[in-house]
Amino acid sequence: MALIDPEHLFVQADAFLLQIDRGSLRQADLRRAFSNAYYGLFHAILTAAADEMVGRRVRGSPIWTLAYRSISHQRLRILCEQIDKNNLKQKIRSCEPTGGFDVHMQTIARAVVELQDRRHAADYDPSLSFLQTDARAAL
């Protein structure tokens, strides 16, 4: 099975930034680093969710793939915004862990929102210039 390994996306993003360190500062490399950082996190979440719902042992099965593919960027963002702001809708609140989402989940939720914003800017706004330090921080 050819599962997307989130770590490979992070390594690829890091490679873009290492090229920059050698003096080949290109906006395309910086923009791809933001995109890879977001997609690495996105695919890590999809993998964890499908493993939790269906089971790691059946990765690649049709039901696992269905669980993996059932999470959209928009729905994930909406959920993460609610977790980050501790403002869960009633439908989600019923699934909230006792004591609420911990600081680690809030950090992940905030990262999803921020990285998605950065990816959209990097992919679609030609008027922006990006810095290596920003790309490194995102990664």
C-alpha atoms as a PDB file:
ATOM      1  CA  MET A   1       0.000   0.000   0.000  1.00  0.00           C
ATOM      2  CA  ALA A   2       1.296   3.469  -0.855  1.00  0.00           C
ATOM      3  CA  LEU A   3       0.262   5.366   2.268  1.00  0.00           C
ATOM      4  CA  ILE A   4       1.266   9.023   2.337  1.00  0.00           C
ATOM      5  CA  ASP A   5       3.911   9.318   5.019  1.00  0.00           C
ATOM      6  CA  PRO A   6       3.558  12.760   6.653  1.00  0.00           C
ATOM      7  CA  GLU A   7       7.196  12.629   7.698  1.00  0.00           C
ATOM      8  CA  HIS A   8       8.237  12.518   4.033  1.00  0.00           C
ATOM      9  CA  LEU A   9       6.389  15.781   3.450  1.00  0.00           C
ATOM     10  CA  PHE A  10       8.199  17.382   6.386  1.00  0.00           C
ATOM     11  CA  VAL A  11      11.560  16.070   5.138  1.00  0.00           C
ATOM     12  CA  GLN A  12      10.845  17.417   1.666  1.00  0.00           C
ATOM     13  CA  ALA A  13       9.932  20.823   3.116  1.00  0.00           C
ATOM     14  CA  ASP A  14      13.155  20.788   5.111  1.00  0.00           C
ATOM     15  CA  ALA A  15      15.080  19.998   1.928  1.00  0.00           C
ATOM     16  CA  PHE A  16      13.594  23.089   0.280  1.00  0.00           C
ATOM     17  CA  LEU A  17      14.866  25.154   3.206  1.00  0.00           C
ATOM     18  CA  LEU A  18      18.308  23.531   3.096  1.00  0.00           C
ATOM     19  CA  GLN A  19      18.591  24.595  -0.542  1.00  0.00           C
ATOM     20  CA  ILE A  20      17.851  28.108   0.590  1.00  0.00           C
ATOM     21  CA  ASP A  21      20.711  27.898   3.094  1.00  0.00           C
ATOM     22  CA  ARG A  22      23.041  27.243   0.153  1.00  0.00           C
ATOM     23  CA  GLY A  23      22.062  30.563  -1.370  1.00  0.00           C
ATOM     24  CA  SER A  24      19.327  29.520  -3.768  1.00  0.00           C
ATOM     25  CA  LEU A  25      16.642  31.639  -2.145  1.00  0.00           C
ATOM     26  CA  ARG A  26      13.597  31.052  -4.304  1.00  0.00           C
ATOM     27  CA  GLN A  27      10.031  31.982  -3.461  1.00  0.00           C
ATOM     28  CA  ALA A  28       8.867  28.714  -5.033  1.00  0.00           C
ATOM     29  CA  ASP A  29      10.892  26.740  -2.471  1.00  0.00           C
ATOM     30  CA  LEU A  30       9.558  28.804   0.412  1.00  0.00           C
ATOM     31  CA  ARG A  31       5.988  28.452  -0.837  1.00  0.00           C
ATOM     32  CA  ARG A  32       6.349  24.670  -1.188  1.00  0.00           C
ATOM     33  CA  ALA A  33       7.743  24.465   2.343  1.00  0.00           C
ATOM     34  CA  PHE A  34       4.539  26.032   3.705  1.00  0.00           C
ATOM     35  CA  SER A  35       2.419  23.729   1.607  1.00  0.00           C
ATOM     36  CA  ASN A  36       4.328  20.626   2.665  1.00  0.00           C
ATOM     37  CA  ALA A  37       4.179  21.617   6.336  1.00  0.00           C
ATOM     38  CA  TYR A  38       0.393  21.919   6.136  1.00  0.00           C
ATOM     39  CA  TYR A  39      -0.095  18.719   4.149  1.00  0.00           C
ATOM     40  CA  GLY A  40       2.225  16.802   6.466  1.00  0.00           C
ATOM     41  CA  LEU A  41       0.068  17.777   9.436  1.00  0.00           C
ATOM     42  CA  PHE A  42      -3.146  17.147   7.487  1.00  0.00           C
ATOM     43  CA  HIS A  43      -2.113  13.621   6.477  1.00  0.00           C
ATOM     44  CA  ALA A  44      -0.834  12.834   9.981  1.00  0.00           C
ATOM     45  CA  ILE A  45      -4.299  13.723  11.312  1.00  0.00           C
ATOM     46  CA  LEU A  46      -6.061  11.650   8.643  1.00  0.00           C
ATOM     47  CA  THR A  47      -3.872   8.648   9.422  1.00  0.00           C
ATOM     48  CA  ALA A  48      -4.419   8.953  13.176  1.00  0.00           C
ATOM     49  CA  ALA A  49      -8.178   9.340  12.734  1.00  0.00           C
ATOM     50  CA  ALA A  50      -8.500   6.335  10.418  1.00  0.00           C
ATOM     51  CA  ASP A  51      -6.281   4.246  12.710  1.00  0.00           C
ATOM     52  CA  GLU A  52      -8.416   5.210  15.696  1.00  0.00           C
ATOM     53  CA  MET A  53     -11.746   4.570  13.976  1.00  0.00           C
ATOM     54  CA  VAL A  54     -10.956   1.468  11.944  1.00  0.00           C
ATOM     55  CA  GLY A  55      -7.624   0.158  13.196  1.00  0.00           C
ATOM     56  CA  ARG A  56      -4.010   0.372  12.163  1.00  0.00           C
ATOM     57  CA  ARG A  57      -3.904  -3.319  11.262  1.00  0.00           C
ATOM     58  CA  VAL A  58      -6.311  -2.787   8.350  1.00  0.00           C
ATOM     59  CA  ARG A  59      -4.560   0.165   6.741  1.00  0.00           C
ATOM     60  CA  GLY A  60      -5.250   0.183   3.036  1.00  0.00           C
ATOM     61  CA  SER A  61      -8.541  -1.684   3.320  1.00  0.00           C
ATOM     62  CA  PRO A  62     -11.585  -0.070   1.721  1.00  0.00           C
ATOM     63  CA  ILE A  63     -13.116   0.845   5.101  1.00  0.00           C
ATOM     64  CA  TRP A  64      -9.839   2.365   6.377  1.00  0.00           C
ATOM     65  CA  THR A  65      -9.482   4.327   3.139  1.00  0.00           C
ATOM     66  CA  LEU A  66     -13.071   5.539   3.463  1.00  0.00           C
ATOM     67  CA  ALA A  67     -12.384   6.795   6.998  1.00  0.00           C
ATOM     68  CA  TYR A  68      -9.150   8.456   5.819  1.00  0.00           C
ATOM     69  CA  ARG A  69     -10.835  10.138   2.853  1.00  0.00           C
ATOM     70  CA  SER A  70     -13.908  11.272   4.796  1.00  0.00           C
ATOM     71  CA  ILE A  71     -12.145  14.236   6.418  1.00  0.00           C
ATOM     72  CA  SER A  72     -12.221  17.394   4.356  1.00  0.00           C
ATOM     73  CA  HIS A  73      -9.943  20.383   4.748  1.00  0.00           C
ATOM     74  CA  GLN A  74     -12.908  22.640   5.480  1.00  0.00           C
ATOM     75  CA  ARG A  75     -14.486  20.424   8.135  1.00  0.00           C
ATOM     76  CA  LEU A  76     -11.145  19.869   9.825  1.00  0.00           C
ATOM     77  CA  ARG A  77     -10.589  23.614   9.902  1.00  0.00           C
ATOM     78  CA  ILE A  78     -14.008  24.301  11.412  1.00  0.00           C
ATOM     79  CA  LEU A  79     -13.411  21.708  14.122  1.00  0.00           C
ATOM     80  CA  CYS A  80      -9.919  23.031  14.829  1.00  0.00           C
ATOM     81  CA  GLU A  81     -11.184  26.612  15.083  1.00  0.00           C
ATOM     82  CA  GLN A  82     -13.735  25.474  17.641  1.00  0.00           C
ATOM     83  CA  ILE A  83     -11.148  23.520  19.647  1.00  0.00           C
ATOM     84  CA  ASP A  84      -8.643  26.383  19.532  1.00  0.00           C
ATOM     85  CA  LYS A  85     -11.189  28.954  20.702  1.00  0.00           C
ATOM     86  CA  ASN A  86     -12.749  26.541  23.203  1.00  0.00           C
ATOM     87  CA  ASN A  87     -16.066  27.324  21.576  1.00  0.00           C
ATOM     88  CA  LEU A  88     -17.464  23.937  20.618  1.00  0.00           C
ATOM     89  CA  LYS A  89     -20.839  23.606  18.986  1.00  0.00           C
ATOM     90  CA  GLN A  90     -23.225  21.315  20.862  1.00  0.00           C
ATOM     91  CA  LYS A  91     -22.821  18.548  18.279  1.00  0.00           C
ATOM     92  CA  ILE A  92     -19.061  18.468  18.944  1.00  0.00           C
ATOM     93  CA  ARG A  93     -19.294  19.122  22.671  1.00  0.00           C
ATOM     94  CA  SER A  94     -20.878  15.700  23.160  1.00  0.00           C
ATOM     95  CA  CYS A  95     -17.610  14.161  21.885  1.00  0.00           C
ATOM     96  CA  GLU A  96     -15.336  16.344  24.000  1.00  0.00           C
ATOM     97  CA  PRO A  97     -13.088  14.473  26.433  1.00  0.00           C
ATOM     98  CA  THR A  98     -13.793  14.868  30.138  1.00  0.00           C
ATOM     99  CA  GLY A  99     -12.020  18.037  31.217  1.00  0.00           C
ATOM    100  CA  GLY A 100     -11.939  19.385  27.657  1.00  0.00           C
ATOM    101  CA  PHE A 101      -9.301  19.202  24.973  1.00  0.00           C
ATOM    102  CA  ASP A 102      -5.843  19.399  26.461  1.00  0.00           C
ATOM    103  CA  VAL A 103      -3.160  21.902  25.541  1.00  0.00           C
ATOM    104  CA  HIS A 104      -1.626  19.494  23.012  1.00  0.00           C
ATOM    105  CA  MET A 105      -4.886  19.171  21.091  1.00  0.00           C
ATOM    106  CA  GLN A 106      -5.348  22.934  21.204  1.00  0.00           C
ATOM    107  CA  THR A 107      -1.816  23.400  19.857  1.00  0.00           C
ATOM    108  CA  ILE A 108      -2.494  20.981  16.990  1.00  0.00           C
ATOM    109  CA  ALA A 109      -5.819  22.687  16.270  1.00  0.00           C
ATOM    110  CA  ARG A 110      -4.154  26.107  16.162  1.00  0.00           C
ATOM    111  CA  ALA A 111      -1.410  24.746  13.895  1.00  0.00           C
ATOM    112  CA  VAL A 112      -3.970  23.358  11.444  1.00  0.00           C
ATOM    113  CA  VAL A 113      -5.686  26.729  11.151  1.00  0.00           C
ATOM    114  CA  GLU A 114      -2.459  28.735  10.911  1.00  0.00           C
ATOM    115  CA  LEU A 115      -0.762  26.389   8.452  1.00  0.00           C
ATOM    116  CA  GLN A 116      -3.847  26.208   6.271  1.00  0.00           C
ATOM    117  CA  ASP A 117      -3.907  30.017   6.128  1.00  0.00           C
ATOM    118  CA  ARG A 118      -0.203  30.105   5.279  1.00  0.00           C
ATOM    119  CA  ARG A 119      -0.612  27.409   2.623  1.00  0.00           C
ATOM    120  CA  HIS A 120      -3.464  29.308   0.987  1.00  0.00           C
ATOM    121  CA  ALA A 121      -1.398  32.492   0.981  1.00  0.00           C
ATOM    122  CA  ALA A 122       1.656  30.696  -0.388  1.00  0.00           C
ATOM    123  CA  ASP A 123      -0.299  28.846  -3.062  1.00  0.00           C
ATOM    124  CA  TYR A 124      -2.656  31.588  -4.216  1.00  0.00           C
ATOM    125  CA  ASP A 125      -1.365  35.078  -3.409  1.00  0.00           C
ATOM    126  CA  PRO A 126       1.329  36.125  -5.875  1.00  0.00           C
ATOM    127  CA  SER A 127       1.674  39.550  -4.237  1.00  0.00           C
ATOM    128  CA  LEU A 128       3.272  38.109  -1.087  1.00  0.00           C
ATOM    129  CA  SER A 129       6.929  37.396  -0.445  1.00  0.00           C
ATOM    130  CA  PHE A 130       7.932  34.835   2.131  1.00  0.00           C
ATOM    131  CA  LEU A 131      10.918  34.638   4.431  1.00  0.00           C
ATOM    132  CA  GLN A 132      13.033  31.643   5.287  1.00  0.00           C
ATOM    133  CA  THR A 133      12.490  32.269   8.998  1.00  0.00           C
ATOM    134  CA  ASP A 134       8.704  32.115   8.531  1.00  0.00           C
ATOM    135  CA  ALA A 135       8.935  28.894   6.541  1.00  0.00           C
ATOM    136  CA  ARG A 136      11.253  27.359   9.153  1.00  0.00           C
ATOM    137  CA  ALA A 137       8.844  28.345  11.938  1.00  0.00           C
ATOM    138  CA  ALA A 138       5.927  26.799  10.049  1.00  0.00           C
ATOM    139  CA  LEU A 139       7.832  23.582   9.577  1.00  0.00           C
END
